[in-house]
Protein backbone atom coordinates (compact mmCIF):
# COMPACT_ATOMS: atom_id res chain seq x y z
CA MET A 1 6.24 34.87 72.77
CA GLY A 2 8.47 37.84 73.60
CA ILE A 3 10.41 39.78 71.05
CA GLU A 4 12.45 43.04 71.22
CA ALA A 5 14.30 45.25 68.73
CA GLU A 6 16.89 47.95 69.55
CA GLY A 7 17.59 51.10 67.57
CA ASP A 8 19.26 54.46 67.96
CA SER A 9 16.46 56.77 68.99
CA VAL A 10 14.61 57.07 72.28
CA LEU A 11 11.04 55.96 71.78
CA THR A 12 8.22 58.18 72.87
CA ARG A 13 5.05 57.16 74.63
CA GLU A 14 3.06 57.89 71.43
CA GLU A 15 5.24 55.53 69.39
CA ILE A 16 4.79 52.65 71.87
CA VAL A 17 1.02 53.30 72.16
CA GLU A 18 0.81 52.94 68.34
CA LEU A 19 2.68 49.61 68.58
CA ALA A 20 0.43 48.53 71.49
CA ASP A 21 -2.70 49.31 69.35
CA VAL A 22 -1.45 47.17 66.50
CA ILE A 23 -0.28 44.31 68.85
CA ALA A 24 -3.55 44.35 70.70
CA ALA A 25 -5.11 42.64 67.76
CA SER A 26 -2.99 39.60 68.81
CA ASN A 27 -3.95 40.00 72.44
CA GLY A 28 -0.45 41.31 73.11
CA ILE A 29 1.26 44.11 74.93
CA ALA A 30 4.06 46.53 73.85
CA THR A 31 6.99 47.98 75.81
CA GLY A 32 9.72 50.51 75.32
CA ILE A 33 8.67 54.01 76.37
CA GLY A 34 11.67 56.14 76.96
CA THR A 35 14.22 53.51 75.76
CA HIS A 36 16.14 52.59 72.66
CA LYS A 37 14.30 49.26 72.64
CA TYR A 38 10.70 48.38 71.64
CA GLY A 39 9.14 45.05 72.20
CA ALA A 40 6.04 42.95 72.44
CA GLN A 41 4.66 39.95 74.02
CA PHE A 42 1.80 38.05 72.40
CA ILE A 43 0.57 34.48 71.75
CA VAL A 44 1.65 32.61 68.56
CA GLU A 45 0.33 29.14 67.69
CA ALA A 46 2.97 26.99 66.06
CA ASP A 47 4.12 23.41 65.78
CA SER A 48 7.70 24.05 67.07
CA ARG A 49 9.68 26.74 68.89
CA GLU A 50 11.45 27.60 65.69
CA ASP A 51 8.15 28.01 63.87
CA ALA A 52 6.87 30.26 66.72
CA VAL A 53 9.94 32.51 66.56
CA THR A 54 9.68 32.78 62.72
CA ALA A 55 5.93 33.60 62.92
CA ALA A 56 6.40 35.97 65.74
CA THR A 57 9.27 37.77 64.13
CA GLN A 58 7.11 38.44 60.96
CA GLN A 59 4.19 39.50 62.97
CA PHE A 60 6.36 41.84 65.11
CA LEU A 61 8.06 43.45 62.05
CA THR A 62 4.73 44.01 60.36
CA ALA A 63 3.25 45.55 63.49
CA ALA A 64 6.32 47.82 63.97
CA LYS A 65 5.99 49.00 60.38
CA LYS A 66 2.23 49.69 60.77
CA ALA A 67 2.98 51.60 63.83
CA GLY A 68 5.56 53.78 62.03
CA LEU A 69 8.48 52.68 64.21
CA PRO A 70 12.04 52.95 62.87
CA THR A 71 13.48 49.70 61.50
CA ALA A 72 15.73 48.22 64.08
CA PRO A 73 17.50 44.80 64.52
CA ILE A 74 15.83 42.24 66.69
CA VAL A 75 17.93 41.67 69.77
CA ARG A 76 15.84 39.23 71.81
CA THR A 77 13.27 36.49 71.20
CA GLU A 78 11.73 34.22 73.89
CA ALA A 79 9.38 31.47 73.21
CA VAL A 80 7.53 29.64 75.99
CA SER A 81 5.26 26.76 75.32
CA GLU A 82 2.01 26.30 77.18
CA GLU A 83 3.59 23.45 79.13
CA GLU A 84 6.54 25.52 80.16
CA GLU A 85 4.27 28.37 81.18
CA ASP A 86 2.18 25.96 83.38
CA LEU A 87 5.47 25.14 85.33
CA LEU A 88 6.26 28.75 86.12
């Protein structure tokens, strides 16, 4: 699952490292150093793509809050099933 939020301020290395530390608990990675966007990729188990997006969005928002990142609207979500990933 990939998810990204975009805000007004440029994000520092320290801010993204804080997000990465929180996301690491879900075996994920964080992105966004030096940009207006911050994002994460991690695994979510769900019965459907819609359920995966819902669960990932909640997990991402919680992680961003724990990391002390500014609240920003989500601008991208990307869910890939195990079957789709195997085809890549």
